[in-house]
Amino acid sequence: MLKTLYVGDLSSVCKEEDLYREFSKYGKVVNVKLFVNPSTKVFMGCGFIKMSTIHEASIAIAALNGTLLLGR
């Protein structure tokens, strides 16, 4: 069963590849989607990561919650 995680307070330089690389350490990442303001095209600092199982998502949450990525 797929599990979707919300990630927020991300660095303005964060890319989908950065999140994919970081979360892949804890399981299979199916999809990464970052939010961009449709009118300004500016990254909004948050997004979704879809992982292949709830178990892998739980491991990623435990390992990454409150940690820094790209200085933020």
N, C-alpha and C. Protein backbone atom coordinates (compact mmCIF):
# COMPACT_ATOMS: atom_id res chain seq x y z
N MET A 1 0.85 -1.19 0.00
CA MET A 1 0.00 0.00 0.00
C MET A 1 0.89 1.25 0.00
N LEU A 2 0.63 2.17 -0.89
CA LEU A 2 1.41 3.41 -0.98
C LEU A 2 1.10 4.33 0.18
N LYS A 3 2.09 5.10 0.59
CA LYS A 3 1.92 6.07 1.66
C LYS A 3 2.49 7.41 1.21
N THR A 4 1.68 8.46 1.31
CA THR A 4 2.11 9.80 0.90
C THR A 4 2.47 10.61 2.13
N LEU A 5 3.66 11.22 2.09
CA LEU A 5 4.15 12.05 3.18
C LEU A 5 4.19 13.51 2.75
N TYR A 6 3.81 14.39 3.64
CA TYR A 6 3.95 15.83 3.42
C TYR A 6 5.28 16.26 4.00
N VAL A 7 6.04 17.05 3.27
CA VAL A 7 7.28 17.63 3.78
C VAL A 7 7.18 19.15 3.64
N GLY A 8 7.61 19.85 4.67
CA GLY A 8 7.51 21.30 4.64
C GLY A 8 8.75 21.97 5.17
N ASP A 9 8.75 23.28 5.09
CA ASP A 9 9.86 24.12 5.55
C ASP A 9 11.16 23.74 4.85
N LEU A 10 11.06 23.49 3.55
CA LEU A 10 12.22 23.11 2.75
C LEU A 10 12.97 24.33 2.25
N SER A 11 14.24 24.15 2.00
CA SER A 11 15.09 25.20 1.45
C SER A 11 14.60 25.61 0.07
N SER A 12 14.78 26.86 -0.27
CA SER A 12 14.34 27.36 -1.58
C SER A 12 15.14 26.74 -2.73
N VAL A 13 16.29 26.14 -2.43
CA VAL A 13 17.11 25.51 -3.46
C VAL A 13 16.84 24.01 -3.57
N CYS A 14 15.94 23.49 -2.77
CA CYS A 14 15.63 22.06 -2.77
C CYS A 14 14.97 21.65 -4.09
N LYS A 15 15.42 20.53 -4.61
CA LYS A 15 14.88 19.97 -5.86
C LYS A 15 14.27 18.59 -5.57
N GLU A 16 13.43 18.12 -6.48
CA GLU A 16 12.83 16.79 -6.32
C GLU A 16 13.90 15.72 -6.16
N GLU A 17 14.99 15.84 -6.89
CA GLU A 17 16.08 14.87 -6.81
C GLU A 17 16.68 14.80 -5.41
N ASP A 18 16.77 15.94 -4.72
CA ASP A 18 17.31 15.97 -3.36
C ASP A 18 16.45 15.14 -2.41
N LEU A 19 15.14 15.32 -2.50
CA LEU A 19 14.23 14.57 -1.65
C LEU A 19 14.22 13.09 -2.02
N TYR A 20 14.24 12.81 -3.31
CA TYR A 20 14.27 11.43 -3.76
C TYR A 20 15.51 10.72 -3.20
N ARG A 21 16.66 11.35 -3.31
CA ARG A 21 17.91 10.77 -2.82
C ARG A 21 17.86 10.54 -1.31
N GLU A 22 17.35 11.50 -0.56
CA GLU A 22 17.33 11.40 0.89
C GLU A 22 16.34 10.33 1.37
N PHE A 23 15.13 10.33 0.83
CA PHE A 23 14.11 9.38 1.28
C PHE A 23 14.37 7.97 0.75
N SER A 24 15.08 7.84 -0.35
CA SER A 24 15.40 6.51 -0.90
C SER A 24 16.30 5.70 0.02
N LYS A 25 16.95 6.33 0.94
CA LYS A 25 17.78 5.62 1.92
C LYS A 25 16.93 4.75 2.82
N TYR A 26 15.64 5.03 2.91
CA TYR A 26 14.76 4.35 3.86
C TYR A 26 13.68 3.50 3.19
N GLY A 27 13.67 3.45 1.87
CA GLY A 27 12.69 2.64 1.16
C GLY A 27 12.51 3.14 -0.27
N LYS A 28 11.60 2.50 -0.97
CA LYS A 28 11.36 2.85 -2.37
C LYS A 28 10.48 4.09 -2.47
N VAL A 29 11.00 5.12 -3.14
CA VAL A 29 10.24 6.34 -3.40
C VAL A 29 9.57 6.19 -4.76
N VAL A 30 8.25 6.32 -4.76
CA VAL A 30 7.47 6.16 -5.98
C VAL A 30 7.38 7.48 -6.74
N ASN A 31 7.22 8.59 -5.99
CA ASN A 31 7.01 9.88 -6.62
C ASN A 31 7.37 11.00 -5.65
N VAL A 32 7.89 12.09 -6.19
CA VAL A 32 8.16 13.31 -5.42
C VAL A 32 7.52 14.46 -6.18
N LYS A 33 6.75 15.28 -5.47
CA LYS A 33 6.09 16.44 -6.09
C LYS A 33 6.27 17.65 -5.20
N LEU A 34 6.96 18.66 -5.70
CA LEU A 34 7.13 19.91 -4.97
C LEU A 34 6.11 20.93 -5.43
N PHE A 35 5.64 21.76 -4.52
CA PHE A 35 4.64 22.77 -4.84
C PHE A 35 5.29 24.04 -5.37
N VAL A 36 4.77 24.51 -6.48
CA VAL A 36 5.22 25.75 -7.10
C VAL A 36 4.00 26.64 -7.28
N ASN A 37 4.12 27.91 -6.92
CA ASN A 37 3.03 28.85 -7.12
C ASN A 37 2.76 28.95 -8.61
N PRO A 38 1.53 28.66 -9.05
CA PRO A 38 1.26 28.64 -10.49
C PRO A 38 1.39 29.99 -11.18
N SER A 39 1.15 31.06 -10.47
CA SER A 39 1.24 32.36 -11.13
C SER A 39 2.65 32.93 -11.14
N THR A 40 3.43 32.68 -10.08
CA THR A 40 4.78 33.25 -10.00
C THR A 40 5.87 32.24 -10.35
N LYS A 41 5.51 30.95 -10.35
CA LYS A 41 6.46 29.86 -10.62
C LYS A 41 7.55 29.76 -9.55
N VAL A 42 7.28 30.28 -8.35
CA VAL A 42 8.23 30.25 -7.25
C VAL A 42 7.93 29.03 -6.36
N PHE A 43 8.97 28.28 -6.01
CA PHE A 43 8.85 27.12 -5.13
C PHE A 43 8.30 27.56 -3.77
N MET A 44 7.31 26.85 -3.27
CA MET A 44 6.62 27.24 -2.04
C MET A 44 7.21 26.60 -0.78
N GLY A 45 8.26 25.79 -0.90
CA GLY A 45 8.94 25.23 0.27
C GLY A 45 8.31 23.98 0.85
N CYS A 46 7.45 23.31 0.08
CA CYS A 46 6.81 22.10 0.59
C CYS A 46 6.44 21.18 -0.57
N GLY A 47 6.06 19.96 -0.21
CA GLY A 47 5.65 19.02 -1.24
C GLY A 47 5.23 17.69 -0.66
N PHE A 48 5.07 16.70 -1.55
CA PHE A 48 4.66 15.35 -1.17
C PHE A 48 5.69 14.34 -1.66
N ILE A 49 5.89 13.32 -0.85
CA ILE A 49 6.73 12.19 -1.23
C ILE A 49 5.86 10.94 -1.09
N LYS A 50 5.78 10.17 -2.14
CA LYS A 50 5.00 8.94 -2.11
C LYS A 50 5.97 7.77 -2.01
N MET A 51 5.80 6.97 -0.95
CA MET A 51 6.66 5.80 -0.73
C MET A 51 5.84 4.53 -0.94
N SER A 52 6.53 3.42 -1.21
CA SER A 52 5.85 2.20 -1.62
C SER A 52 5.08 1.50 -0.50
N THR A 53 5.52 1.65 0.75
CA THR A 53 4.79 1.00 1.85
C THR A 53 4.70 1.92 3.06
N ILE A 54 3.72 1.65 3.89
CA ILE A 54 3.56 2.40 5.13
C ILE A 54 4.76 2.16 6.04
N HIS A 55 5.26 0.93 6.05
CA HIS A 55 6.42 0.61 6.89
C HIS A 55 7.64 1.44 6.49
N GLU A 56 7.93 1.53 5.20
CA GLU A 56 9.08 2.33 4.74
C GLU A 56 8.87 3.80 5.05
N ALA A 57 7.65 4.28 4.89
CA ALA A 57 7.35 5.68 5.22
C ALA A 57 7.57 5.95 6.69
N SER A 58 7.17 5.01 7.55
CA SER A 58 7.36 5.17 9.00
C SER A 58 8.83 5.23 9.37
N ILE A 59 9.64 4.40 8.71
CA ILE A 59 11.09 4.42 8.95
C ILE A 59 11.68 5.76 8.53
N ALA A 60 11.25 6.27 7.37
CA ALA A 60 11.75 7.56 6.88
C ALA A 60 11.34 8.69 7.82
N ILE A 61 10.11 8.66 8.29
CA ILE A 61 9.64 9.69 9.23
C ILE A 61 10.49 9.67 10.49
N ALA A 62 10.69 8.49 11.06
CA ALA A 62 11.47 8.37 12.29
C ALA A 62 12.89 8.87 12.10
N ALA A 63 13.47 8.59 10.95
CA ALA A 63 14.87 8.96 10.69
C ALA A 63 15.03 10.43 10.33
N LEU A 64 14.07 11.02 9.62
CA LEU A 64 14.27 12.34 9.04
C LEU A 64 13.51 13.47 9.74
N ASN A 65 12.52 13.16 10.54
CA ASN A 65 11.73 14.22 11.18
C ASN A 65 12.64 15.13 12.02
N GLY A 66 12.61 16.40 11.71
CA GLY A 66 13.39 17.39 12.45
C GLY A 66 14.83 17.54 12.00
N THR A 67 15.23 16.82 10.96
CA THR A 67 16.61 16.93 10.48
C THR A 67 16.74 18.06 9.44
N LEU A 68 17.98 18.42 9.15
CA LEU A 68 18.25 19.45 8.16
C LEU A 68 18.51 18.83 6.79
N LEU A 69 18.02 19.49 5.77
CA LEU A 69 18.31 19.13 4.38
C LEU A 69 18.65 20.43 3.66
N LEU A 70 19.84 20.47 3.11
CA LEU A 70 20.32 21.67 2.40
C LEU A 70 20.28 22.91 3.30
N GLY A 71 20.64 22.70 4.55
CA GLY A 71 20.76 23.81 5.49
C GLY A 71 19.46 24.30 6.12
N ARG A 72 18.38 23.59 5.88
CA ARG A 72 17.10 24.03 6.46
C ARG A 72 16.33 22.85 6.98
